[in-house]
PDB file of N, CA and C in Angstrom:
ATOM      1  N   UNK A   1     -71.998-112.134 -52.458  1.00  0.00           N
ATOM      2  CA  UNK A   1     -71.715-111.077 -53.388  1.00  0.00           C
ATOM      3  C   UNK A   1     -73.521-109.739 -53.947  1.00  0.00           C
ATOM      4  N   UNK A   2     -74.182-110.818 -53.462  1.00  0.00           N
ATOM      5  CA  UNK A   2     -75.210-110.156 -54.374  1.00  0.00           C
ATOM      6  C   UNK A   2     -76.147-109.221 -53.224  1.00  0.00           C
ATOM      7  N   UNK A   3     -75.740-108.776 -52.660  1.00  0.00           N
ATOM      8  CA  UNK A   3     -76.127-107.682 -51.127  1.00  0.00           C
ATOM      9  C   UNK A   3     -75.853-106.092 -51.217  1.00  0.00           C
ATOM     10  N   UNK A   4     -76.002-105.613 -51.206  1.00  0.00           N
ATOM     11  CA  UNK A   4     -76.882-103.925 -51.370  1.00  0.00           C
ATOM     12  C   UNK A   4     -76.029-103.775 -50.324  1.00  0.00           C
ATOM     13  N   UNK A   5     -75.358-102.541 -50.387  1.00  0.00           N
ATOM     14  CA  UNK A   5     -74.252-102.066 -49.272  1.00  0.00           C
ATOM     15  C   UNK A   5     -75.005-101.100 -48.330  1.00  0.00           C
ATOM     16  N   UNK A   6     -76.176-100.569 -49.579  1.00  0.00           N
ATOM     17  CA  UNK A   6     -76.750 -99.593 -48.330  1.00  0.00           C
ATOM     18  C   UNK A   6     -77.466 -99.942 -47.070  1.00  0.00           C
ATOM     19  N   UNK A   7     -78.498-101.161 -48.408  1.00  0.00           N
ATOM     20  CA  UNK A   7     -79.531-100.770 -47.781  1.00  0.00           C
ATOM     21  C   UNK A   7     -79.537-102.404 -47.160  1.00  0.00           C
ATOM     22  N   UNK A   8     -78.925-103.453 -47.530  1.00  0.00           N
ATOM     23  CA  UNK A   8     -78.651-104.532 -47.565  1.00  0.00           C
ATOM     24  C   UNK A   8     -79.657-105.646 -48.065  1.00  0.00           C
ATOM     25  N   UNK A   9     -79.942-105.397 -49.115  1.00  0.00           N
ATOM     26  CA  UNK A   9     -80.910-105.773 -49.681  1.00  0.00           C
ATOM     27  C   UNK A   9     -80.920-107.008 -50.441  1.00  0.00           C
ATOM     28  N   UNK A  10     -80.631-108.328 -50.507  1.00  0.00           N
ATOM     29  CA  UNK A  10     -80.793-109.853 -50.927  1.00  0.00           C
ATOM     30  C   UNK A  10     -81.928-110.387 -51.594  1.00  0.00           C
ATOM     31  N   UNK A  11     -81.158-111.340 -52.676  1.00  0.00           N
ATOM     32  CA  UNK A  11     -82.464-112.004 -52.950  1.00  0.00           C
ATOM     33  C   UNK A  11     -84.074-112.910 -52.507  1.00  0.00           C
ATOM     34  N   UNK A  12     -84.321-112.572 -52.601  1.00  0.00           N
ATOM     35  CA  UNK A  12     -85.810-113.763 -51.929  1.00  0.00           C
ATOM     36  C   UNK A  12     -85.915-114.709 -52.724  1.00  0.00           C
ATOM     37  N   UNK A  13     -86.637-115.543 -52.043  1.00  0.00           N
ATOM     38  CA  UNK A  13     -87.448-116.924 -52.582  1.00  0.00           C
ATOM     39  C   UNK A  13     -88.718-116.421 -52.503  1.00  0.00           C
ATOM     40  N   UNK A  14     -89.721-117.539 -53.629  1.00  0.00           N
ATOM     41  CA  UNK A  14     -90.858-117.032 -53.812  1.00  0.00           C
ATOM     42  C   UNK A  14     -90.923-118.371 -55.158  1.00  0.00           C
ATOM     43  N   UNK A  15     -92.623-118.471 -55.153  1.00  0.00           N
ATOM     44  CA  UNK A  15     -92.937-119.488 -56.220  1.00  0.00           C
ATOM     45  C   UNK A  15     -93.005-118.667 -57.842  1.00  0.00           C
ATOM     46  N   UNK A  16     -93.120-119.740 -58.473  1.00  0.00           N
ATOM     47  CA  UNK A  16     -94.019-119.934 -60.175  1.00  0.00           C
ATOM     48  C   UNK A  16     -95.156-120.559 -59.579  1.00  0.00           C
ATOM     49  N   UNK A  17     -96.430-119.888 -60.380  1.00  0.00           N
ATOM     50  CA  UNK A  17     -97.379-120.657 -59.557  1.00  0.00           C
ATOM     51  C   UNK A  17     -98.448-120.740 -61.535  1.00  0.00           C
ATOM     52  N   UNK A  18     -98.340-121.891 -62.033  1.00  0.00           N
ATOM     53  CA  UNK A  18     -99.250-122.082 -62.682  1.00  0.00           C
ATOM     54  C   UNK A  18    -100.350-121.923 -62.892  1.00  0.00           C
ATOM     55  N   UNK A  19    -100.798-121.669 -64.332  1.00  0.00           N
ATOM     56  CA  UNK A  19    -102.694-122.209 -64.032  1.00  0.00           C
ATOM     57  C   UNK A  19    -103.573-122.892 -63.697  1.00  0.00           C
ATOM     58  N   UNK A  20    -102.579-124.318 -63.007  1.00  0.00           N
ATOM     59  CA  UNK A  20    -102.910-125.392 -63.123  1.00  0.00           C
ATOM     60  C   UNK A  20    -102.293-125.383 -61.093  1.00  0.00           C
ATOM     61  N   UNK A  21    -102.283-124.132 -61.014  1.00  0.00           N
ATOM     62  CA  UNK A  21    -101.605-123.848 -59.502  1.00  0.00           C
ATOM     63  C   UNK A  21    -100.813-124.902 -58.938  1.00  0.00           C
ATOM     64  N   UNK A  22     -99.585-124.986 -59.515  1.00  0.00           N
ATOM     65  CA  UNK A  22     -98.773-125.641 -59.349  1.00  0.00           C
ATOM     66  C   UNK A  22     -97.578-124.748 -58.933  1.00  0.00           C
ATOM     67  N   UNK A  23     -96.533-125.276 -57.563  1.00  0.00           N
ATOM     68  CA  UNK A  23     -95.409-124.438 -57.741  1.00  0.00           C
ATOM     69  C   UNK A  23     -94.481-125.124 -57.565  1.00  0.00           C
ATOM     70  N   UNK A  24     -93.254-123.856 -58.196  1.00  0.00           N
ATOM     71  CA  UNK A  24     -92.377-124.212 -58.169  1.00  0.00           C
ATOM     72  C   UNK A  24     -90.998-122.964 -57.563  1.00  0.00           C
ATOM     73  N   UNK A  25     -90.143-123.558 -56.548  1.00  0.00           N
ATOM     74  CA  UNK A  25     -89.656-122.193 -56.485  1.00  0.00           C
ATOM     75  C   UNK A  25     -88.624-121.486 -57.721  1.00  0.00           C
ATOM     76  N   UNK A  26     -88.423-120.385 -57.537  1.00  0.00           N
ATOM     77  CA  UNK A  26     -87.838-119.182 -57.983  1.00  0.00           C
ATOM     78  C   UNK A  26     -87.185-118.564 -56.926  1.00  0.00           C
ATOM     79  N   UNK A  27     -86.122-117.413 -57.574  1.00  0.00           N
ATOM     80  CA  UNK A  27     -85.354-116.561 -56.804  1.00  0.00           C
ATOM     81  C   UNK A  27     -85.403-114.755 -57.489  1.00  0.00           C
ATOM     82  N   UNK A  28     -85.806-114.370 -56.634  1.00  0.00           N
ATOM     83  CA  UNK A  28     -86.139-112.882 -57.351  1.00  0.00           C
ATOM     84  C   UNK A  28     -85.284-111.806 -56.814  1.00  0.00           C
ATOM     85  N   UNK A  29     -84.282-111.625 -57.322  1.00  0.00           N
ATOM     86  CA  UNK A  29     -83.321-110.927 -57.619  1.00  0.00           C
ATOM     87  C   UNK A  29     -83.325-109.610 -57.773  1.00  0.00           C
ATOM     88  N   UNK A  30     -82.021-108.619 -56.616  1.00  0.00           N
ATOM     89  CA  UNK A  30     -82.898-107.295 -56.735  1.00  0.00           C
ATOM     90  C   UNK A  30     -82.193-106.853 -57.680  1.00  0.00           C
ATOM     91  N   UNK A  31     -82.216-105.544 -58.276  1.00  0.00           N
ATOM     92  CA  UNK A  31     -81.004-104.557 -59.438  1.00  0.00           C
ATOM     93  C   UNK A  31     -79.976-103.781 -58.798  1.00  0.00           C
ATOM     94  N   UNK A  32     -79.094-104.857 -58.434  1.00  0.00           N
ATOM     95  CA  UNK A  32     -78.177-104.554 -58.256  1.00  0.00           C
ATOM     96  C   UNK A  32     -76.993-103.385 -59.486  1.00  0.00           C
ATOM     97  N   UNK A  33     -76.034-102.835 -58.822  1.00  0.00           N
ATOM     98  CA  UNK A  33     -75.690-101.994 -59.959  1.00  0.00           C
ATOM     99  C   UNK A  33     -74.099-101.615 -59.589  1.00  0.00           C
ATOM    100  N   UNK A  34     -73.191-102.100 -60.619  1.00  0.00           N
ATOM    101  CA  UNK A  34     -71.657-101.557 -59.605  1.00  0.00           C
ATOM    102  C   UNK A  34     -71.426 -99.923 -60.054  1.00  0.00           C
ATOM    103  N   UNK A  35     -71.642 -99.298 -58.757  1.00  0.00           N
ATOM    104  CA  UNK A  35     -71.010 -97.946 -59.315  1.00  0.00           C
ATOM    105  C   UNK A  35     -69.317 -97.150 -58.317  1.00  0.00           C
ATOM    106  N   UNK A  36     -69.111 -96.449 -58.713  1.00  0.00           N
ATOM    107  CA  UNK A  36     -67.945 -95.846 -57.503  1.00  0.00           C
ATOM    108  C   UNK A  36     -68.987 -94.873 -56.706  1.00  0.00           C
ATOM    109  N   UNK A  37     -68.307 -94.884 -55.847  1.00  0.00           N
ATOM    110  CA  UNK A  37     -69.822 -94.030 -54.977  1.00  0.00           C
ATOM    111  C   UNK A  37     -68.749 -94.200 -53.977  1.00  0.00           C
ATOM    112  N   UNK A  38     -68.668 -92.287 -53.363  1.00  0.00           N
ATOM    113  CA  UNK A  38     -67.601 -91.866 -52.240  1.00  0.00           C
ATOM    114  C   UNK A  38     -67.994 -92.656 -50.395  1.00  0.00           C
ATOM    115  N   UNK A  39     -67.195 -93.015 -50.115  1.00  0.00           N
ATOM    116  CA  UNK A  39     -67.455 -94.173 -48.612  1.00  0.00           C
ATOM    117  C   UNK A  39     -66.441 -93.359 -47.919  1.00  0.00           C
ATOM    118  N   UNK A  40     -66.211 -94.194 -46.551  1.00  0.00           N
ATOM    119  CA  UNK A  40     -65.466 -93.737 -45.386  1.00  0.00           C
ATOM    120  C   UNK A  40     -64.243 -93.950 -46.048  1.00  0.00           C
ATOM    121  N   UNK A  41     -63.566 -94.637 -46.358  1.00  0.00           N
ATOM    122  CA  UNK A  41     -62.416 -94.527 -47.324  1.00  0.00           C
ATOM    123  C   UNK A  41     -62.072 -94.262 -48.078  1.00  0.00           C
ATOM    124  N   UNK A  42     -62.883 -93.378 -48.661  1.00  0.00           N
ATOM    125  CA  UNK A  42     -63.045 -92.281 -49.997  1.00  0.00           C
ATOM    126  C   UNK A  42     -63.717 -93.175 -51.493  1.00  0.00           C
ATOM    127  N   UNK A  43     -63.315 -93.350 -52.745  1.00  0.00           N
ATOM    128  CA  UNK A  43     -64.430 -93.190 -53.765  1.00  0.00           C
ATOM    129  C   UNK A  43     -63.697 -94.927 -53.692  1.00  0.00           C
ATOM    130  N   UNK A  44     -64.621 -96.153 -54.011  1.00  0.00           N
ATOM    131  CA  UNK A  44     -64.491 -96.883 -53.962  1.00  0.00           C
ATOM    132  C   UNK A  44     -65.619 -97.699 -55.136  1.00  0.00           C
ATOM    133  N   UNK A  45     -65.798 -98.593 -55.882  1.00  0.00           N
ATOM    134  CA  UNK A  45     -66.712 -99.373 -56.183  1.00  0.00           C
ATOM    135  C   UNK A  45     -67.585-100.202 -55.621  1.00  0.00           C
ATOM    136  N   UNK A  46     -68.416-100.046 -55.952  1.00  0.00           N
ATOM    137  CA  UNK A  46     -69.322-100.862 -54.596  1.00  0.00           C
ATOM    138  C   UNK A  46     -70.514-101.307 -55.157  1.00  0.00           C
ATOM    139  N   UNK A  47     -71.450-102.784 -54.832  1.00  0.00           N
ATOM    140  CA  UNK A  47     -72.358-102.902 -55.709  1.00  0.00           C
ATOM    141  C   UNK A  47     -73.950-101.894 -55.048  1.00  0.00           C
ATOM    142  N   UNK A  48     -74.696-101.418 -55.298  1.00  0.00           N
ATOM    143  CA  UNK A  48     -76.283-100.553 -54.680  1.00  0.00           C
ATOM    144  C   UNK A  48     -77.095-101.864 -55.634  1.00  0.00           C
ATOM    145  N   UNK A  49     -78.169-101.326 -55.046  1.00  0.00           N
ATOM    146  CA  UNK A  49     -79.588-101.505 -55.547  1.00  0.00           C
ATOM    147  C   UNK A  49     -80.278 -99.810 -56.383  1.00  0.00           C
ATOM    148  N   UNK A  50     -80.381 -99.923 -57.577  1.00  0.00           N
ATOM    149  CA  UNK A  50     -80.795 -99.080 -58.203  1.00  0.00           C
ATOM    150  C   UNK A  50     -82.031 -98.116 -56.888  1.00  0.00           C
ATOM    151  N   UNK A  51     -82.847 -99.001 -55.959  1.00  0.00           N
ATOM    152  CA  UNK A  51     -83.810 -98.288 -55.194  1.00  0.00           C
ATOM    153  C   UNK A  51     -82.739 -97.326 -54.487  1.00  0.00           C
ATOM    154  N   UNK A  52     -82.080 -97.306 -53.433  1.00  0.00           N
ATOM    155  CA  UNK A  52     -80.959 -96.408 -52.406  1.00  0.00           C
ATOM    156  C   UNK A  52     -79.783 -95.789 -54.138  1.00  0.00           C
ATOM    157  N   UNK A  53     -79.565 -95.810 -54.931  1.00  0.00           N
ATOM    158  CA  UNK A  53     -79.156 -94.709 -56.002  1.00  0.00           C
ATOM    159  C   UNK A  53     -80.614 -93.732 -56.559  1.00  0.00           C
ATOM    160  N   UNK A  54     -81.631 -94.203 -56.370  1.00  0.00           N
ATOM    161  CA  UNK A  54     -82.604 -92.820 -56.841  1.00  0.00           C
ATOM    162  C   UNK A  54     -83.048 -92.182 -55.293  1.00  0.00           C
ATOM    163  N   UNK A  55     -82.615 -93.548 -54.829  1.00  0.00           N
ATOM    164  CA  UNK A  55     -82.943 -92.315 -53.256  1.00  0.00           C
ATOM    165  C   UNK A  55     -82.064 -91.470 -52.440  1.00  0.00           C
ATOM    166  N   UNK A  56     -80.982 -91.638 -53.523  1.00  0.00           N
ATOM    167  CA  UNK A  56     -79.657 -90.956 -52.544  1.00  0.00           C
ATOM    168  C   UNK A  56     -79.027 -90.868 -51.144  1.00  0.00           C
ATOM    169  N   UNK A  57     -79.553 -92.174 -51.090  1.00  0.00           N
ATOM    170  CA  UNK A  57     -78.641 -92.980 -49.839  1.00  0.00           C
ATOM    171  C   UNK A  57     -77.137 -92.930 -50.580  1.00  0.00           C
ATOM    172  N   UNK A  58     -77.014 -92.942 -51.461  1.00  0.00           N
ATOM    173  CA  UNK A  58     -75.520 -92.949 -51.934  1.00  0.00           C
ATOM    174  C   UNK A  58     -74.849 -92.431 -52.706  1.00  0.00           C
ATOM    175  N   UNK A  59     -73.873 -91.124 -52.189  1.00  0.00           N
ATOM    176  CA  UNK A  59     -73.806 -90.413 -52.987  1.00  0.00           C
ATOM    177  C   UNK A  59     -72.656 -90.361 -54.125  1.00  0.00           C
ATOM    178  N   UNK A  60     -72.408 -90.894 -55.465  1.00  0.00           N
ATOM    179  CA  UNK A  60     -72.070 -91.416 -56.611  1.00  0.00           C
ATOM    180  C   UNK A  60     -70.533 -90.093 -56.878  1.00  0.00           C
ATOM    181  N   UNK A  61     -69.438 -90.492 -56.961  1.00  0.00           N
ATOM    182  CA  UNK A  61     -68.048 -90.296 -56.740  1.00  0.00           C
ATOM    183  C   UNK A  61     -67.905 -89.804 -58.789  1.00  0.00           C
ATOM    184  N   UNK A  62     -66.797 -88.748 -58.769  1.00  0.00           N
ATOM    185  CA  UNK A  62     -66.833 -87.718 -60.222  1.00  0.00           C
ATOM    186  C   UNK A  62     -66.015 -88.201 -61.071  1.00  0.00           C
TER     187      UNK A  62
END
């Protein structure tokens, strides 16, 4: 579900690091938005990251 259709960006794993240098796992989630975009099959509601929207990789449907 949490995948950009334009670039394939997904959530990644990293560490929370405390002042005592203790490390616990955490997730970095991309900023995904549901937008109505023009695809090969016509206008569809798709999930796209905001970077692809801003860069113009996806054309929004009116």
